[in-house]
């Protein structure tokens, strides 16, 4: 029997507790954020350019389904996965035509090379840095060659690399875009686009985005 890692349990329980508040707080659609929209549009275009008929796209750590909703509108075949049963309940309620599942992105119940794309939208932030290479290796396992992965995250200063962050929900980690890019490239990805931006009024940190392709 596998014992659940303490930080995974804390993350799941914490998001279960605040699922309603989280959903209400982030009611603003991705359509209202030009930076988020630009990166997700670029992801969708890259997936289509790689395959004439793109296959399944996974929104990993999907929460209440904000990114999945946007990708669905763009016409991608997307499903969502999250640790939190309460988040999955809200995603299913809001988007009953899409598939949402409870699960861990560190151990995906997917066959090798079964996905055309992965979106990890602020969802790797709670994983301790020493487990990130294995997590990204799992992403590489389930992506097809030429498949794309998109990451959104709170960004650290390049001089710091990785910073522990006092997230309002539970402990998280800020990554410098270049540091995360180097980690991806060590695992067989090529980073094709990156963007950093300053914090908006409601945010406490700069934000980072990376788009990568599996070699």
C-alpha atoms as a PDB file:
ATOM      1  CA  UNK A   1       0.000   0.000   0.000  1.00  0.00           C
ATOM      2  CA  UNK A   2       1.361   3.426  -1.006  1.00  0.00           C
ATOM      3  CA  UNK A   3       1.394   6.070   1.724  1.00  0.00           C
ATOM      4  CA  UNK A   4       0.327   9.539   0.648  1.00  0.00           C
ATOM      5  CA  UNK A   5       3.128  12.092   0.911  1.00  0.00           C
ATOM      6  CA  UNK A   6       2.388  14.665   3.617  1.00  0.00           C
ATOM      7  CA  UNK A   7       2.681  17.736   1.383  1.00  0.00           C
ATOM      8  CA  UNK A   8       0.347  16.157  -1.189  1.00  0.00           C
ATOM      9  CA  UNK A   9      -2.229  15.458   1.521  1.00  0.00           C
ATOM     10  CA  UNK A  10      -1.953  19.013   2.851  1.00  0.00           C
ATOM     11  CA  UNK A  11      -2.357  20.463  -0.637  1.00  0.00           C
ATOM     12  CA  UNK A  12      -5.416  18.321  -1.352  1.00  0.00           C
ATOM     13  CA  UNK A  13      -7.077  19.108   1.978  1.00  0.00           C
ATOM     14  CA  UNK A  14      -6.260  22.814   1.729  1.00  0.00           C
ATOM     15  CA  UNK A  15      -7.830  23.172  -1.706  1.00  0.00           C
ATOM     16  CA  UNK A  16     -10.845  21.132  -0.627  1.00  0.00           C
ATOM     17  CA  UNK A  17     -11.381  23.610   2.204  1.00  0.00           C
ATOM     18  CA  UNK A  18     -11.189  26.726   0.048  1.00  0.00           C
ATOM     19  CA  UNK A  19     -12.726  25.355  -3.165  1.00  0.00           C
ATOM     20  CA  UNK A  20     -15.815  27.542  -3.025  1.00  0.00           C
ATOM     21  CA  UNK A  21     -13.863  30.688  -2.117  1.00  0.00           C
ATOM     22  CA  UNK A  22     -11.245  29.954  -4.791  1.00  0.00           C
ATOM     23  CA  UNK A  23     -13.892  29.452  -7.461  1.00  0.00           C
ATOM     24  CA  UNK A  24     -15.665  32.678  -6.522  1.00  0.00           C
ATOM     25  CA  UNK A  25     -12.430  34.666  -6.266  1.00  0.00           C
ATOM     26  CA  UNK A  26     -11.229  33.637  -9.718  1.00  0.00           C
ATOM     27  CA  UNK A  27     -14.488  34.089 -11.561  1.00  0.00           C
ATOM     28  CA  UNK A  28     -12.755  36.427 -14.008  1.00  0.00           C
ATOM     29  CA  UNK A  29     -12.338  34.489 -17.199  1.00  0.00           C
ATOM     30  CA  UNK A  30      -9.006  33.969 -18.873  1.00  0.00           C
ATOM     31  CA  UNK A  31     -10.538  36.021 -21.677  1.00  0.00           C
ATOM     32  CA  UNK A  32     -10.109  39.081 -19.427  1.00  0.00           C
ATOM     33  CA  UNK A  33      -6.357  38.558 -18.920  1.00  0.00           C
ATOM     34  CA  UNK A  34      -4.444  39.299 -22.154  1.00  0.00           C
ATOM     35  CA  UNK A  35      -1.238  37.625 -20.923  1.00  0.00           C
ATOM     36  CA  UNK A  36      -2.934  34.352 -19.991  1.00  0.00           C
ATOM     37  CA  UNK A  37      -4.924  34.443 -23.200  1.00  0.00           C
ATOM     38  CA  UNK A  38      -1.833  35.013 -25.322  1.00  0.00           C
ATOM     39  CA  UNK A  39       0.029  32.021 -23.884  1.00  0.00           C
ATOM     40  CA  UNK A  40      -2.938  29.666 -24.099  1.00  0.00           C
ATOM     41  CA  UNK A  41      -3.612  30.797 -27.669  1.00  0.00           C
ATOM     42  CA  UNK A  42       0.052  30.147 -28.499  1.00  0.00           C
ATOM     43  CA  UNK A  43      -0.183  26.698 -26.903  1.00  0.00           C
ATOM     44  CA  UNK A  44      -3.282  25.829 -28.939  1.00  0.00           C
ATOM     45  CA  UNK A  45      -1.691  27.055 -32.163  1.00  0.00           C
ATOM     46  CA  UNK A  46       1.479  25.071 -31.457  1.00  0.00           C
ATOM     47  CA  UNK A  47      -0.491  21.884 -30.780  1.00  0.00           C
ATOM     48  CA  UNK A  48      -2.367  22.293 -34.058  1.00  0.00           C
ATOM     49  CA  UNK A  49       0.822  23.006 -35.977  1.00  0.00           C
ATOM     50  CA  UNK A  50       2.401  19.816 -34.628  1.00  0.00           C
ATOM     51  CA  UNK A  51      -0.513  17.529 -35.534  1.00  0.00           C
ATOM     52  CA  UNK A  52      -3.143  17.861 -38.234  1.00  0.00           C
ATOM     53  CA  UNK A  53      -5.640  16.260 -35.861  1.00  0.00           C
ATOM     54  CA  UNK A  54      -4.487  16.888 -32.270  1.00  0.00           C
ATOM     55  CA  UNK A  55      -5.289  14.229 -29.714  1.00  0.00           C
ATOM     56  CA  UNK A  56      -6.063  14.548 -26.040  1.00  0.00           C
ATOM     57  CA  UNK A  57      -4.967  17.582 -24.017  1.00  0.00           C
ATOM     58  CA  UNK A  58      -4.597  17.331 -20.218  1.00  0.00           C
ATOM     59  CA  UNK A  59      -5.211  20.283 -17.900  1.00  0.00           C
ATOM     60  CA  UNK A  60      -3.236  18.998 -14.912  1.00  0.00           C
ATOM     61  CA  UNK A  61      -4.084  20.593 -11.585  1.00  0.00           C
ATOM     62  CA  UNK A  62      -7.182  21.958 -13.267  1.00  0.00           C
ATOM     63  CA  UNK A  63      -8.919  23.388 -10.187  1.00  0.00           C
ATOM     64  CA  UNK A  64     -12.453  24.485 -11.123  1.00  0.00           C
ATOM     65  CA  UNK A  65     -11.601  24.261 -14.823  1.00  0.00           C
ATOM     66  CA  UNK A  66     -10.689  27.795 -15.908  1.00  0.00           C
ATOM     67  CA  UNK A  67      -7.984  26.768 -18.377  1.00  0.00           C
ATOM     68  CA  UNK A  68      -9.957  23.743 -19.551  1.00  0.00           C
ATOM     69  CA  UNK A  69     -12.915  25.995 -20.326  1.00  0.00           C
ATOM     70  CA  UNK A  70     -10.758  28.269 -22.473  1.00  0.00           C
ATOM     71  CA  UNK A  71      -9.068  25.401 -24.309  1.00  0.00           C
ATOM     72  CA  UNK A  72     -12.472  23.827 -24.980  1.00  0.00           C
ATOM     73  CA  UNK A  73     -13.671  27.075 -26.546  1.00  0.00           C
ATOM     74  CA  UNK A  74     -10.566  26.986 -28.747  1.00  0.00           C
ATOM     75  CA  UNK A  75     -11.706  23.577 -29.979  1.00  0.00           C
ATOM     76  CA  UNK A  76      -9.158  21.313 -28.266  1.00  0.00           C
ATOM     77  CA  UNK A  77     -10.073  17.893 -26.894  1.00  0.00           C
ATOM     78  CA  UNK A  78      -9.301  18.637 -23.232  1.00  0.00           C
ATOM     79  CA  UNK A  79      -9.854  16.871 -19.929  1.00  0.00           C
ATOM     80  CA  UNK A  80      -8.964  17.985 -16.399  1.00  0.00           C
ATOM     81  CA  UNK A  81      -7.294  16.300 -13.425  1.00  0.00           C
ATOM     82  CA  UNK A  82      -6.864  17.596  -9.885  1.00  0.00           C
ATOM     83  CA  UNK A  83      -5.971  16.300  -6.417  1.00  0.00           C
ATOM     84  CA  UNK A  84      -8.959  18.025  -4.830  1.00  0.00           C
ATOM     85  CA  UNK A  85     -12.342  16.251  -5.033  1.00  0.00           C
ATOM     86  CA  UNK A  86     -14.068  19.536  -4.202  1.00  0.00           C
ATOM     87  CA  UNK A  87     -12.383  21.297  -7.109  1.00  0.00           C
ATOM     88  CA  UNK A  88     -13.350  18.465  -9.438  1.00  0.00           C
ATOM     89  CA  UNK A  89     -16.964  18.701  -8.266  1.00  0.00           C
ATOM     90  CA  UNK A  90     -17.027  22.387  -9.186  1.00  0.00           C
ATOM     91  CA  UNK A  91     -15.371  21.799 -12.541  1.00  0.00           C
ATOM     92  CA  UNK A  92     -17.879  19.059 -13.392  1.00  0.00           C
ATOM     93  CA  UNK A  93     -20.775  21.289 -12.371  1.00  0.00           C
ATOM     94  CA  UNK A  94     -19.566  24.217 -14.467  1.00  0.00           C
ATOM     95  CA  UNK A  95     -18.510  22.154 -17.502  1.00  0.00           C
ATOM     96  CA  UNK A  96     -20.609  18.960 -17.564  1.00  0.00           C
ATOM     97  CA  UNK A  97     -19.670  18.215 -21.192  1.00  0.00           C
ATOM     98  CA  UNK A  98     -15.974  17.820 -20.279  1.00  0.00           C
ATOM     99  CA  UNK A  99     -14.239  14.982 -18.407  1.00  0.00           C
ATOM    100  CA  UNK A 100     -12.697  15.743 -15.022  1.00  0.00           C
ATOM    101  CA  UNK A 101     -10.924  13.239 -12.782  1.00  0.00           C
ATOM    102  CA  UNK A 102      -9.396  13.103  -9.308  1.00  0.00           C
ATOM    103  CA  UNK A 103      -5.738  12.149  -9.456  1.00  0.00           C
ATOM    104  CA  UNK A 104      -2.099  13.072  -9.014  1.00  0.00           C
ATOM    105  CA  UNK A 105      -0.008  14.550 -11.797  1.00  0.00           C
ATOM    106  CA  UNK A 106       3.041  12.917 -10.206  1.00  0.00           C
ATOM    107  CA  UNK A 107       1.621   9.494 -11.112  1.00  0.00           C
ATOM    108  CA  UNK A 108      -0.600   9.773 -14.164  1.00  0.00           C
ATOM    109  CA  UNK A 109      -2.950   6.932 -15.068  1.00  0.00           C
ATOM    110  CA  UNK A 110      -2.161   7.410 -18.750  1.00  0.00           C
ATOM    111  CA  UNK A 111      -0.310   5.301 -21.275  1.00  0.00           C
ATOM    112  CA  UNK A 112       3.019   6.376 -22.730  1.00  0.00           C
ATOM    113  CA  UNK A 113       2.848   8.974 -25.534  1.00  0.00           C
ATOM    114  CA  UNK A 114      -0.932   9.306 -25.198  1.00  0.00           C
ATOM    115  CA  UNK A 115      -1.231  13.123 -25.034  1.00  0.00           C
ATOM    116  CA  UNK A 116      -0.796  15.857 -27.617  1.00  0.00           C
ATOM    117  CA  UNK A 117      -0.438  18.499 -24.939  1.00  0.00           C
ATOM    118  CA  UNK A 118      -0.310  19.322 -21.238  1.00  0.00           C
ATOM    119  CA  UNK A 119      -1.247  22.540 -19.477  1.00  0.00           C
ATOM    120  CA  UNK A 120       0.100  22.967 -15.935  1.00  0.00           C
ATOM    121  CA  UNK A 121      -1.472  26.284 -15.045  1.00  0.00           C
ATOM    122  CA  UNK A 122      -0.046  27.279 -11.648  1.00  0.00           C
ATOM    123  CA  UNK A 123      -0.199  23.617 -10.662  1.00  0.00           C
ATOM    124  CA  UNK A 124       3.446  22.590 -10.175  1.00  0.00           C
ATOM    125  CA  UNK A 125       3.949  25.376  -7.624  1.00  0.00           C
ATOM    126  CA  UNK A 126       3.229  23.253  -4.537  1.00  0.00           C
ATOM    127  CA  UNK A 127       5.534  20.391  -5.528  1.00  0.00           C
ATOM    128  CA  UNK A 128       8.852  20.558  -3.630  1.00  0.00           C
ATOM    129  CA  UNK A 129      11.689  21.365  -6.045  1.00  0.00           C
ATOM    130  CA  UNK A 130      13.499  18.077  -5.456  1.00  0.00           C
ATOM    131  CA  UNK A 131      10.463  16.227  -6.917  1.00  0.00           C
ATOM    132  CA  UNK A 132      10.019  18.472  -9.955  1.00  0.00           C
ATOM    133  CA  UNK A 133      12.404  16.506 -12.236  1.00  0.00           C
ATOM    134  CA  UNK A 134      10.417  13.303 -11.634  1.00  0.00           C
ATOM    135  CA  UNK A 135       7.131  15.144 -12.172  1.00  0.00           C
ATOM    136  CA  UNK A 136       8.345  16.640 -15.450  1.00  0.00           C
ATOM    137  CA  UNK A 137       9.650  13.206 -16.407  1.00  0.00           C
ATOM    138  CA  UNK A 138       6.113  11.911 -15.944  1.00  0.00           C
ATOM    139  CA  UNK A 139       4.872  14.665 -18.244  1.00  0.00           C
ATOM    140  CA  UNK A 140       7.471  13.614 -20.820  1.00  0.00           C
ATOM    141  CA  UNK A 141       6.377   9.975 -20.533  1.00  0.00           C
ATOM    142  CA  UNK A 142       2.745  10.659 -21.439  1.00  0.00           C
ATOM    143  CA  UNK A 143       3.422  13.274 -24.138  1.00  0.00           C
ATOM    144  CA  UNK A 144       3.882  12.254 -27.746  1.00  0.00           C
ATOM    145  CA  UNK A 145       7.107  13.322 -29.447  1.00  0.00           C
ATOM    146  CA  UNK A 146       6.349  16.842 -30.642  1.00  0.00           C
ATOM    147  CA  UNK A 147       3.745  17.276 -27.903  1.00  0.00           C
ATOM    148  CA  UNK A 148       3.615  20.610 -26.095  1.00  0.00           C
ATOM    149  CA  UNK A 149       3.566  21.558 -22.413  1.00  0.00           C
ATOM    150  CA  UNK A 150       2.563  24.985 -21.095  1.00  0.00           C
ATOM    151  CA  UNK A 151       3.400  26.211 -17.592  1.00  0.00           C
ATOM    152  CA  UNK A 152       2.139  29.206 -15.650  1.00  0.00           C
ATOM    153  CA  UNK A 153       3.729  30.051 -12.285  1.00  0.00           C
ATOM    154  CA  UNK A 154       4.713  32.760  -9.827  1.00  0.00           C
ATOM    155  CA  UNK A 155       8.154  33.866 -10.983  1.00  0.00           C
ATOM    156  CA  UNK A 156      11.292  34.201  -8.861  1.00  0.00           C
ATOM    157  CA  UNK A 157      14.192  36.531  -9.504  1.00  0.00           C
ATOM    158  CA  UNK A 158      16.679  34.978 -11.903  1.00  0.00           C
ATOM    159  CA  UNK A 159      19.415  35.494  -9.296  1.00  0.00           C
ATOM    160  CA  UNK A 160      17.491  33.345  -6.796  1.00  0.00           C
ATOM    161  CA  UNK A 161      16.524  30.435  -9.052  1.00  0.00           C
ATOM    162  CA  UNK A 162      13.881  28.928  -6.768  1.00  0.00           C
ATOM    163  CA  UNK A 163      12.266  30.676  -3.795  1.00  0.00           C
ATOM    164  CA  UNK A 164       9.928  29.240  -1.179  1.00  0.00           C
ATOM    165  CA  UNK A 165       6.777  31.321  -1.216  1.00  0.00           C
ATOM    166  CA  UNK A 166       4.230  31.968   1.518  1.00  0.00           C
ATOM    167  CA  UNK A 167       1.242  31.059  -0.617  1.00  0.00           C
ATOM    168  CA  UNK A 168      -2.155  31.863   0.886  1.00  0.00           C
ATOM    169  CA  UNK A 169      -3.270  28.220   0.579  1.00  0.00           C
ATOM    170  CA  UNK A 170      -0.173  26.153   1.396  1.00  0.00           C
ATOM    171  CA  UNK A 171       3.581  26.249   0.875  1.00  0.00           C
ATOM    172  CA  UNK A 172       4.609  26.853  -2.713  1.00  0.00           C
ATOM    173  CA  UNK A 173       7.731  27.606  -4.716  1.00  0.00           C
ATOM    174  CA  UNK A 174       8.504  30.389  -7.157  1.00  0.00           C
ATOM    175  CA  UNK A 175      10.687  29.449 -10.123  1.00  0.00           C
ATOM    176  CA  UNK A 176      12.884  31.751 -12.150  1.00  0.00           C
ATOM    177  CA  UNK A 177      11.862  31.152 -15.789  1.00  0.00           C
ATOM    178  CA  UNK A 178      15.430  30.346 -16.839  1.00  0.00           C
ATOM    179  CA  UNK A 179      15.786  27.827 -13.987  1.00  0.00           C
ATOM    180  CA  UNK A 180      12.589  25.986 -14.919  1.00  0.00           C
ATOM    181  CA  UNK A 181      13.566  26.132 -18.599  1.00  0.00           C
ATOM    182  CA  UNK A 182      16.931  24.513 -17.842  1.00  0.00           C
ATOM    183  CA  UNK A 183      15.205  21.761 -15.858  1.00  0.00           C
ATOM    184  CA  UNK A 184      12.853  21.060 -18.762  1.00  0.00           C
ATOM    185  CA  UNK A 185      15.685  20.968 -21.273  1.00  0.00           C
ATOM    186  CA  UNK A 186      17.605  18.496 -19.110  1.00  0.00           C
ATOM    187  CA  UNK A 187      14.596  16.173 -19.392  1.00  0.00           C
ATOM    188  CA  UNK A 188      14.298  16.202 -23.173  1.00  0.00           C
ATOM    189  CA  UNK A 189      12.177  19.285 -23.811  1.00  0.00           C
ATOM    190  CA  UNK A 190      12.967  22.328 -25.915  1.00  0.00           C
ATOM    191  CA  UNK A 191      11.585  25.600 -24.586  1.00  0.00           C
ATOM    192  CA  UNK A 192      10.053  27.467 -27.516  1.00  0.00           C
ATOM    193  CA  UNK A 193       8.601  30.531 -25.771  1.00  0.00           C
ATOM    194  CA  UNK A 194       8.788  32.264 -22.438  1.00  0.00           C
ATOM    195  CA  UNK A 195       7.195  35.351 -20.962  1.00  0.00           C
ATOM    196  CA  UNK A 196       7.610  37.221 -17.694  1.00  0.00           C
ATOM    197  CA  UNK A 197       5.416  40.042 -16.504  1.00  0.00           C
ATOM    198  CA  UNK A 198       5.101  42.319 -13.522  1.00  0.00           C
ATOM    199  CA  UNK A 199       2.458  41.704 -10.875  1.00  0.00           C
ATOM    200  CA  UNK A 200      -1.017  43.053 -11.462  1.00  0.00           C
ATOM    201  CA  UNK A 201      -2.726  45.052  -8.721  1.00  0.00           C
ATOM    202  CA  UNK A 202      -4.242  41.954  -7.109  1.00  0.00           C
ATOM    203  CA  UNK A 203      -1.015  39.890  -7.285  1.00  0.00           C
ATOM    204  CA  UNK A 204       1.964  39.748  -4.934  1.00  0.00           C
ATOM    205  CA  UNK A 205       4.656  38.498  -7.309  1.00  0.00           C
ATOM    206  CA  UNK A 206       5.764  38.670 -10.937  1.00  0.00           C
ATOM    207  CA  UNK A 207       4.395  35.889 -13.138  1.00  0.00           C
ATOM    208  CA  UNK A 208       6.126  33.536 -15.554  1.00  0.00           C
ATOM    209  CA  UNK A 209       5.063  31.368 -18.492  1.00  0.00           C
ATOM    210  CA  UNK A 210       6.960  28.722 -20.445  1.00  0.00           C
ATOM    211  CA  UNK A 211       5.951  26.779 -23.554  1.00  0.00           C
ATOM    212  CA  UNK A 212       7.994  23.663 -24.300  1.00  0.00           C
ATOM    213  CA  UNK A 213       7.939  20.850 -26.827  1.00  0.00           C
ATOM    214  CA  UNK A 214       8.962  17.245 -26.173  1.00  0.00           C
ATOM    215  CA  UNK A 215      11.852  16.255 -28.406  1.00  0.00           C
END
